[in-house]
């Protein structure tokens, strides 16, 4: 499948994207799709194959990537699997929005790397304000060709040339081959979180965001529907109000979701899985290779039983752009280490204090009964929690945050967490 280290990248070629539906900044469906399609092989196989095969719209990637995807046996995953998941900032045609925003940008971009031995998953989030080289891309709807740029804002790639352009940009940045990609809709987050019955998240200090209408007291909250979406979209309400802060807050949500679905019986409930798969796939556009039923189910079966401590969420390493305080550039040394680790399929681990700008390790265990709604009254100090456990239960038994002795530590400047770590979002 993908990734022969040192393999030269050919000139990017672009395919066609179907007429755009409305897309938005959503990540819950990414996590939910990963939880359902990547963690539960046997159960997913029991879901209607017809629905999985027919539901998603499809998009063709670059010719070389598409050929790789069509010929790969994903059940073997020789060299690991790379899947790019994209959410854009437009709300046109989504939910109950009346907005009519021209163009779309890849506001959320996450590269999921599955190791060859199926023992680790690494999800890399790319900041939208990252300045990077973007290759020449042709917009699949307008036919307009955008010349290659040595330095352009990362989130302009989708508008330049659709999914294929984002894939090529990430491939050029990381040196990886990415034969699978998915574009996620706004409505998916609501349907997925509703199917789960909510995701339990921890808030360390109150979140007040007038832009998304999200107001959360410190404590535990069960979020679903538009509340879950607002949590994932919130930037002004968390940390220092930056996109980097939002990424770390999103990682809190994604980790909580993965712990939840691997510990509460979700993966053994075919009815819930059917709802989750249907909600995810009916709100996604997938690359042709990923849209094949055998690919989805094969990918799921390869990761069945993976420990949550081996599911890592990391932010692509960046530093402030000296030319523009509102932008960031690649931290070359740290990025090289991460890129090589992914290319060579190394087992990696994060430092003990690696959480990002809007998250922190939970040293206290919040009330096990989360508040039903973010509009609930502020938490009573007397409800403040007791000591947090150091392990997270999974179907295979408890999983701790301790890394494998054979893992390679990533540079301390790379922030993130494993899905086993219990963390809390930090409000503004």
Protein backbone atom coordinates (compact mmCIF):
# COMPACT_ATOMS: atom_id res chain seq x y z
CA UNK A 1 0.00 0.00 0.00
CA UNK A 2 1.47 3.42 0.76
CA UNK A 3 4.83 4.64 1.82
CA UNK A 4 8.11 3.41 0.61
CA UNK A 5 10.55 5.66 2.46
CA UNK A 6 12.60 7.87 0.18
CA UNK A 7 10.28 7.31 -2.76
CA UNK A 8 10.29 10.36 -5.02
CA UNK A 9 6.98 12.10 -5.44
CA UNK A 10 5.78 12.47 -9.05
CA UNK A 11 4.29 15.66 -10.41
CA UNK A 12 0.81 16.06 -8.97
CA UNK A 13 -2.14 15.44 -11.26
CA UNK A 14 -5.69 16.19 -10.32
CA UNK A 15 -9.00 14.52 -10.84
CA UNK A 16 -12.58 15.66 -10.61
CA UNK A 17 -14.67 16.62 -7.63
CA UNK A 18 -18.46 16.29 -7.76
CA UNK A 19 -20.60 19.37 -7.27
CA UNK A 20 -19.80 20.67 -3.79
CA UNK A 21 -22.25 20.16 -1.04
CA UNK A 22 -21.93 22.42 1.98
CA UNK A 23 -18.93 21.60 4.20
CA UNK A 24 -17.90 23.02 7.53
CA UNK A 25 -15.42 22.93 10.35
CA UNK A 26 -16.30 19.59 11.89
CA UNK A 27 -14.19 16.91 13.45
CA UNK A 28 -16.63 14.80 15.43
CA UNK A 29 -17.58 12.79 12.38
CA UNK A 30 -13.88 12.21 11.78
CA UNK A 31 -13.49 10.71 15.22
CA UNK A 32 -16.75 8.80 15.01
CA UNK A 33 -15.90 7.37 11.62
CA UNK A 34 -12.49 6.38 12.94
CA UNK A 35 -14.03 4.83 16.03
CA UNK A 36 -16.51 2.79 14.03
CA UNK A 37 -14.53 1.99 10.92
CA UNK A 38 -11.07 1.66 12.40
CA UNK A 39 -11.53 0.01 15.77
CA UNK A 40 -14.26 -2.57 15.33
CA UNK A 41 -13.61 -4.92 12.44
CA UNK A 42 -15.94 -7.80 13.20
CA UNK A 43 -18.86 -5.60 14.18
CA UNK A 44 -18.50 -3.36 11.14
CA UNK A 45 -18.58 -6.39 8.91
CA UNK A 46 -22.04 -7.12 10.27
CA UNK A 47 -23.36 -3.75 9.11
CA UNK A 48 -25.19 -3.61 5.79
CA UNK A 49 -22.56 -3.88 3.04
CA UNK A 50 -25.01 -2.33 0.60
CA UNK A 51 -25.31 0.81 2.71
CA UNK A 52 -21.57 1.14 3.16
CA UNK A 53 -20.94 0.72 -0.56
CA UNK A 54 -23.66 3.03 -1.84
CA UNK A 55 -23.90 5.85 0.69
CA UNK A 56 -20.86 8.04 0.09
CA UNK A 57 -20.24 10.37 -2.82
CA UNK A 58 -16.82 9.80 -4.34
CA UNK A 59 -13.93 11.88 -5.65
CA UNK A 60 -10.90 10.86 -7.69
CA UNK A 61 -7.46 11.78 -6.40
CA UNK A 62 -4.25 12.22 -8.38
CA UNK A 63 -3.74 9.49 -10.97
CA UNK A 64 -0.78 7.91 -9.18
CA UNK A 65 -2.57 7.87 -5.81
CA UNK A 66 -5.75 6.47 -7.31
CA UNK A 67 -3.84 3.62 -8.94
CA UNK A 68 -2.24 2.76 -5.61
CA UNK A 69 -5.58 2.77 -3.83
CA UNK A 70 -7.29 0.58 -6.41
CA UNK A 71 -4.61 -2.11 -6.40
CA UNK A 72 -3.83 -2.15 -2.67
CA UNK A 73 -5.00 -4.97 -0.46
CA UNK A 74 -5.97 -2.95 2.58
CA UNK A 75 -6.35 -6.05 4.71
CA UNK A 76 -2.61 -6.54 4.38
CA UNK A 77 -1.63 -2.83 4.60
CA UNK A 78 1.97 -3.31 3.54
CA UNK A 79 3.78 -0.25 4.88
CA UNK A 80 0.82 1.19 6.78
CA UNK A 81 -2.25 3.10 5.66
CA UNK A 82 -2.54 6.87 5.25
CA UNK A 83 -5.98 8.51 5.17
CA UNK A 84 -6.57 12.27 4.94
CA UNK A 85 -9.73 13.62 6.58
CA UNK A 86 -10.85 17.14 5.69
CA UNK A 87 -13.51 19.52 7.03
CA UNK A 88 -14.08 22.95 5.45
CA UNK A 89 -15.28 26.25 6.84
CA UNK A 90 -18.30 26.82 4.59
CA UNK A 91 -21.80 26.20 5.96
CA UNK A 92 -23.69 26.45 2.68
CA UNK A 93 -26.44 23.84 2.49
CA UNK A 94 -25.67 22.47 5.94
CA UNK A 95 -27.81 22.17 9.04
CA UNK A 96 -30.12 25.22 9.30
CA UNK A 97 -27.58 27.75 8.05
CA UNK A 98 -28.65 30.63 5.84
CA UNK A 99 -25.06 31.62 5.14
CA UNK A 100 -23.96 31.87 1.54
CA UNK A 101 -20.17 31.94 1.75
CA UNK A 102 -18.31 31.76 -1.55
CA UNK A 103 -15.58 29.16 -1.74
CA UNK A 104 -14.44 26.61 0.81
CA UNK A 105 -11.28 26.18 2.82
CA UNK A 106 -9.83 23.14 4.54
CA UNK A 107 -10.34 24.52 8.02
CA UNK A 108 -9.65 21.14 9.63
CA UNK A 109 -7.17 18.71 8.07
CA UNK A 110 -6.14 15.48 9.79
CA UNK A 111 -3.80 12.81 8.46
CA UNK A 112 -4.41 9.37 9.98
CA UNK A 113 -1.46 6.97 9.75
CA UNK A 114 -2.01 3.31 10.61
CA UNK A 115 1.18 1.39 11.32
CA UNK A 116 2.10 -1.67 9.31
CA UNK A 117 1.76 -3.96 12.32
CA UNK A 118 -1.64 -2.42 13.14
CA UNK A 119 -0.48 -1.59 16.65
CA UNK A 120 -0.52 2.21 16.45
CA UNK A 121 -2.65 4.95 14.93
CA UNK A 122 -1.28 8.49 14.67
CA UNK A 123 -3.66 11.33 13.78
CA UNK A 124 -1.79 14.49 12.75
CA UNK A 125 -3.69 17.80 12.74
CA UNK A 126 -2.42 20.56 10.43
CA UNK A 127 -3.07 24.16 11.53
CA UNK A 128 -5.18 26.07 9.03
CA UNK A 129 -2.91 29.15 9.34
CA UNK A 130 0.25 27.21 8.48
CA UNK A 131 2.28 28.74 5.63
CA UNK A 132 3.44 25.96 3.28
CA UNK A 133 4.31 25.31 -0.37
CA UNK A 134 1.19 24.46 -2.36
CA UNK A 135 1.59 22.75 -5.76
CA UNK A 136 -0.12 23.86 -8.96
CA UNK A 137 -3.78 22.91 -8.69
CA UNK A 138 -6.80 23.15 -10.97
CA UNK A 139 -10.18 23.88 -9.42
CA UNK A 140 -12.39 20.93 -10.45
CA UNK A 141 -15.53 23.08 -10.63
CA UNK A 142 -14.34 26.25 -12.33
CA UNK A 143 -11.40 24.90 -14.31
CA UNK A 144 -9.21 27.71 -12.97
CA UNK A 145 -5.57 26.73 -12.56
CA UNK A 146 -3.69 28.14 -9.59
CA UNK A 147 0.10 28.30 -10.01
CA UNK A 148 2.37 26.65 -7.49
CA UNK A 149 3.21 28.83 -4.50
CA UNK A 150 6.36 28.61 -2.38
CA UNK A 151 4.46 29.90 0.64
CA UNK A 152 0.68 30.05 0.95
CA UNK A 153 -1.81 29.55 3.76
CA UNK A 154 -2.53 25.85 4.16
CA UNK A 155 -6.31 26.24 4.26
CA UNK A 156 -6.42 27.68 0.72
CA UNK A 157 -5.57 24.31 -0.86
CA UNK A 158 -9.18 23.03 -0.92
CA UNK A 159 -10.45 26.12 -2.71
CA UNK A 160 -7.58 25.93 -5.19
CA UNK A 161 -8.07 22.37 -6.33
CA UNK A 162 -10.47 20.39 -4.16
CA UNK A 163 -9.61 17.29 -2.16
CA UNK A 164 -6.84 16.27 -4.54
CA UNK A 165 -4.99 19.56 -3.99
CA UNK A 166 -5.12 19.14 -0.20
CA UNK A 167 -3.81 15.58 -0.56
CA UNK A 168 -0.92 16.73 -2.78
CA UNK A 169 -0.06 19.54 -0.37
CA UNK A 170 0.12 17.10 2.56
CA UNK A 171 2.12 14.60 0.53
CA UNK A 172 4.66 17.28 -0.40
CA UNK A 173 4.86 18.41 3.22
CA UNK A 174 5.27 14.98 4.82
CA UNK A 175 6.88 12.84 2.12
CA UNK A 176 4.10 10.26 2.52
CA UNK A 177 1.82 8.78 -0.11
CA UNK A 178 -1.87 9.34 0.74
CA UNK A 179 -4.16 7.15 -1.39
CA UNK A 180 -7.28 7.62 0.74
CA UNK A 181 -9.15 10.81 1.61
CA UNK A 182 -12.54 11.93 2.88
CA UNK A 183 -14.33 15.30 2.95
CA UNK A 184 -16.73 15.63 5.88
CA UNK A 185 -20.04 17.46 6.04
CA UNK A 186 -21.46 19.78 8.66
CA UNK A 187 -24.55 17.65 9.26
CA UNK A 188 -22.45 14.58 10.03
CA UNK A 189 -21.34 15.84 13.43
CA UNK A 190 -24.93 16.21 14.60
CA UNK A 191 -26.05 12.82 13.31
CA UNK A 192 -22.99 10.98 14.63
CA UNK A 193 -23.06 12.49 18.11
CA UNK A 194 -26.81 11.82 18.33
CA UNK A 195 -26.26 8.20 17.34
CA UNK A 196 -23.74 7.88 20.17
CA UNK A 197 -26.11 9.49 22.65
CA UNK A 198 -23.51 12.16 23.41
CA UNK A 199 -19.78 12.33 24.10
CA UNK A 200 -18.63 12.96 27.68
CA UNK A 201 -15.99 15.71 27.82
CA UNK A 202 -14.17 17.44 30.66
CA UNK A 203 -13.89 21.23 30.97
CA UNK A 204 -11.22 22.54 33.35
CA UNK A 205 -12.32 26.19 33.36
CA UNK A 206 -15.54 27.71 31.94
CA UNK A 207 -15.89 28.12 28.18
CA UNK A 208 -17.79 31.19 26.99
CA UNK A 209 -17.88 31.65 23.23
CA UNK A 210 -20.38 34.12 21.82
CA UNK A 211 -19.32 33.25 18.27
CA UNK A 212 -20.55 29.63 18.51
CA UNK A 213 -23.01 30.21 21.36
CA UNK A 214 -21.18 27.70 23.53
CA UNK A 215 -21.26 28.28 27.29
CA UNK A 216 -19.93 25.45 29.46
CA UNK A 217 -19.29 25.47 33.20
CA UNK A 218 -16.24 23.71 34.58
CA UNK A 219 -16.91 20.01 35.01
CA UNK A 220 -18.19 17.11 32.92
CA UNK A 221 -20.60 17.57 30.02
CA UNK A 222 -22.33 15.15 27.70
CA UNK A 223 -22.33 16.83 24.29
CA UNK A 224 -24.31 15.91 21.21
CA UNK A 225 -25.91 17.56 18.20
CA UNK A 226 -25.29 21.27 17.77
CA UNK A 227 -23.59 21.45 21.19
CA UNK A 228 -20.94 18.92 20.11
CA UNK A 229 -20.45 20.86 16.90
CA UNK A 230 -20.06 24.14 18.77
CA UNK A 231 -17.47 22.56 21.06
CA UNK A 232 -15.40 21.37 18.11
CA UNK A 233 -15.71 24.68 16.29
CA UNK A 234 -14.95 26.86 19.31
CA UNK A 235 -11.75 28.86 18.97
CA UNK A 236 -12.56 32.10 20.81
CA UNK A 237 -13.81 30.13 23.82
CA UNK A 238 -10.70 28.01 24.50
CA UNK A 239 -7.12 28.71 25.47
CA UNK A 240 -5.62 31.79 23.84
CA UNK A 241 -8.28 31.90 21.12
CA UNK A 242 -5.95 30.59 18.42
CA UNK A 243 -6.44 27.77 15.94
CA UNK A 244 -3.67 25.88 17.75
CA UNK A 245 -5.72 26.07 20.94
CA UNK A 246 -8.76 24.75 19.12
CA UNK A 247 -6.75 21.76 17.85
CA UNK A 248 -5.79 20.72 21.39
CA UNK A 249 -9.39 21.15 22.58
CA UNK A 250 -10.57 18.98 19.69
CA UNK A 251 -8.09 16.32 20.78
CA UNK A 252 -9.78 16.27 24.20
CA UNK A 253 -13.09 15.48 22.47
CA UNK A 254 -11.65 12.87 20.10
CA UNK A 255 -9.82 11.04 22.86
CA UNK A 256 -12.94 11.01 25.05
CA UNK A 257 -14.97 9.66 22.16
CA UNK A 258 -12.55 6.83 21.43
CA UNK A 259 -12.37 5.86 25.09
CA UNK A 260 -16.16 5.88 25.22
CA UNK A 261 -16.79 3.68 22.20
CA UNK A 262 -14.13 1.16 23.20
CA UNK A 263 -15.31 0.87 26.80
CA UNK A 264 -19.11 1.11 26.92
CA UNK A 265 -20.19 -1.68 24.61
CA UNK A 266 -20.79 0.54 21.58
CA UNK A 267 -18.60 -1.63 19.37
CA UNK A 268 -20.58 -4.75 20.22
CA UNK A 269 -23.97 -3.17 19.50
CA UNK A 270 -24.79 -3.72 15.80
CA UNK A 271 -27.76 -1.33 15.88
CA UNK A 272 -25.64 1.56 17.17
CA UNK A 273 -22.87 0.70 14.72
CA UNK A 274 -25.33 0.69 11.85
CA UNK A 275 -26.53 4.16 12.84
CA UNK A 276 -22.99 5.45 13.22
CA UNK A 277 -21.81 4.08 9.90
CA UNK A 278 -24.86 5.42 8.10
CA UNK A 279 -24.53 8.87 9.67
CA UNK A 280 -20.84 9.09 8.85
CA UNK A 281 -20.88 7.80 5.30
CA UNK A 282 -24.01 9.66 4.21
CA UNK A 283 -22.26 12.89 5.17
CA UNK A 284 -18.90 12.26 3.57
CA UNK A 285 -17.35 12.38 0.13
CA UNK A 286 -14.68 9.69 -0.11
CA UNK A 287 -11.88 9.03 -2.55
CA UNK A 288 -12.70 6.16 -4.89
CA UNK A 289 -10.33 3.72 -3.13
CA UNK A 290 -11.67 4.44 0.35
CA UNK A 291 -15.30 4.20 -0.78
CA UNK A 292 -14.93 0.51 -1.60
CA UNK A 293 -16.70 -1.68 0.95
CA UNK A 294 -13.80 -4.12 1.16
CA UNK A 295 -11.47 -1.22 1.93
CA UNK A 296 -13.63 0.11 4.77
CA UNK A 297 -14.20 -3.27 6.36
CA UNK A 298 -10.64 -4.42 5.71
CA UNK A 299 -9.25 -1.30 7.34
CA UNK A 300 -11.50 -1.87 10.33
CA UNK A 301 -10.44 -5.47 10.78
CA UNK A 302 -6.73 -4.60 10.74
CA UNK A 303 -7.13 -2.38 13.80
CA UNK A 304 -9.48 -4.45 15.90
CA UNK A 305 -8.24 -4.63 19.45
CA UNK A 306 -5.83 -1.69 19.25
CA UNK A 307 -5.20 -0.15 22.66
CA UNK A 308 -6.32 3.47 23.16
CA UNK A 309 -2.84 4.18 24.53
CA UNK A 310 -1.57 3.44 21.02
CA UNK A 311 -3.91 5.96 19.37
CA UNK A 312 -2.00 9.24 19.26
CA UNK A 313 -3.32 12.70 18.39
CA UNK A 314 -0.56 15.17 17.53
CA UNK A 315 -0.37 18.67 16.12
CA UNK A 316 2.02 19.12 13.20
CA UNK A 317 4.94 21.05 14.73
CA UNK A 318 5.00 24.78 13.99
CA UNK A 319 6.54 28.04 15.20
CA UNK A 320 5.37 31.62 14.84
CA UNK A 321 5.83 33.12 11.39
CA UNK A 322 8.40 35.93 11.75
CA UNK A 323 6.73 37.76 8.86
CA UNK A 324 3.18 37.62 10.28
CA UNK A 325 2.22 37.12 13.92
CA UNK A 326 -1.17 35.71 12.84
CA UNK A 327 0.45 32.85 10.90
CA UNK A 328 2.75 29.93 11.68
CA UNK A 329 5.50 28.14 9.76
CA UNK A 330 6.87 24.60 9.98
CA UNK A 331 9.21 23.79 12.85
CA UNK A 332 11.68 22.14 10.47
CA UNK A 333 13.66 20.01 12.93
CA UNK A 334 10.64 18.61 14.79
CA UNK A 335 8.65 18.14 11.56
CA UNK A 336 11.53 16.19 10.02
CA UNK A 337 11.55 13.83 13.00
CA UNK A 338 7.79 13.29 12.78
CA UNK A 339 7.83 12.86 8.99
CA UNK A 340 10.61 10.27 9.14
CA UNK A 341 8.86 8.39 11.95
CA UNK A 342 5.71 8.15 9.83
CA UNK A 343 7.60 7.28 6.65
CA UNK A 344 9.57 4.49 8.35
CA UNK A 345 6.63 3.32 10.43
CA UNK A 346 8.36 3.82 13.78
CA UNK A 347 6.40 3.27 16.96
CA UNK A 348 6.37 6.66 18.70
CA UNK A 349 5.36 8.21 22.00
CA UNK A 350 4.72 11.71 23.35
CA UNK A 351 6.41 13.43 26.27
CA UNK A 352 4.62 13.49 29.62
CA UNK A 353 3.77 17.21 29.33
CA UNK A 354 2.77 17.38 25.70
CA UNK A 355 -0.81 18.68 25.88
CA UNK A 356 -1.56 21.73 23.74
CA UNK A 357 -2.64 25.31 24.34
CA UNK A 358 -6.22 24.58 25.40
CA UNK A 359 -5.98 21.26 27.20
CA UNK A 360 -4.47 19.89 30.37
CA UNK A 361 -4.08 16.54 32.02
CA UNK A 362 -6.90 15.65 34.36
CA UNK A 363 -5.56 15.36 37.89
CA UNK A 364 -9.07 15.12 39.23
CA UNK A 365 -11.89 12.88 38.20
CA UNK A 366 -15.02 14.82 37.32
CA UNK A 367 -18.50 13.85 38.47
CA UNK A 368 -19.29 10.55 36.73
CA UNK A 369 -22.75 11.87 35.89
CA UNK A 370 -22.15 14.59 33.29
CA UNK A 371 -24.48 17.54 32.98
CA UNK A 372 -27.18 16.94 30.40
CA UNK A 373 -26.84 20.30 28.72
CA UNK A 374 -24.19 23.01 28.33
CA UNK A 375 -26.78 25.48 29.56
CA UNK A 376 -26.72 23.91 33.01
CA UNK A 377 -25.69 25.91 36.06
CA UNK A 378 -22.00 26.22 36.95
CA UNK A 379 -20.59 23.26 38.79
CA UNK A 380 -20.72 23.39 42.57
CA UNK A 381 -17.20 23.36 44.06
CA UNK A 382 -18.37 20.62 46.39
CA UNK A 383 -18.83 18.41 43.33
CA UNK A 384 -15.19 18.76 42.47
CA UNK A 385 -13.77 15.46 41.67
CA UNK A 386 -11.47 13.07 43.32
CA UNK A 387 -8.27 11.51 42.07
CA UNK A 388 -8.27 10.38 38.46
CA UNK A 389 -7.48 6.81 37.50
CA UNK A 390 -4.26 6.20 35.62
CA UNK A 391 -5.79 3.67 33.28
CA UNK A 392 -8.62 3.52 30.78
CA UNK A 393 -10.74 0.42 30.38
CA UNK A 394 -11.07 -1.20 26.97
CA UNK A 395 -12.61 -4.47 25.76
CA UNK A 396 -9.12 -5.97 26.06
CA UNK A 397 -8.63 -4.77 29.63
CA UNK A 398 -7.21 -1.61 31.19
CA UNK A 399 -4.83 0.47 29.09
CA UNK A 400 -2.48 2.91 30.74
CA UNK A 401 -0.83 5.98 29.27
CA UNK A 402 2.59 4.40 29.70
CA UNK A 403 4.37 4.08 26.36
CA UNK A 404 5.90 0.93 25.04
CA UNK A 405 9.59 0.63 26.01
CA UNK A 406 10.43 0.19 22.33
CA UNK A 407 8.72 3.39 21.23
CA UNK A 408 10.68 6.40 19.95
CA UNK A 409 9.93 9.61 21.88
CA UNK A 410 8.87 12.50 19.66
CA UNK A 411 10.42 15.94 20.31
CA UNK A 412 8.92 17.66 23.34
CA UNK A 413 7.82 20.54 21.09
CA UNK A 414 5.27 18.24 19.43
CA UNK A 415 2.03 18.54 21.38
CA UNK A 416 -0.86 16.10 21.64
CA UNK A 417 -2.07 13.12 23.62
CA UNK A 418 -3.03 9.48 23.41
CA UNK A 419 -6.67 8.50 23.45
CA UNK A 420 -6.06 6.79 26.80
CA UNK A 421 -5.11 10.05 28.50
CA UNK A 422 -7.92 11.78 30.36
CA UNK A 423 -7.62 15.49 29.61
CA UNK A 424 -9.78 18.58 29.99
CA UNK A 425 -10.36 21.57 27.71
CA UNK A 426 -9.23 24.90 29.15
CA UNK A 427 -11.65 27.78 28.66
CA UNK A 428 -10.80 31.38 27.90
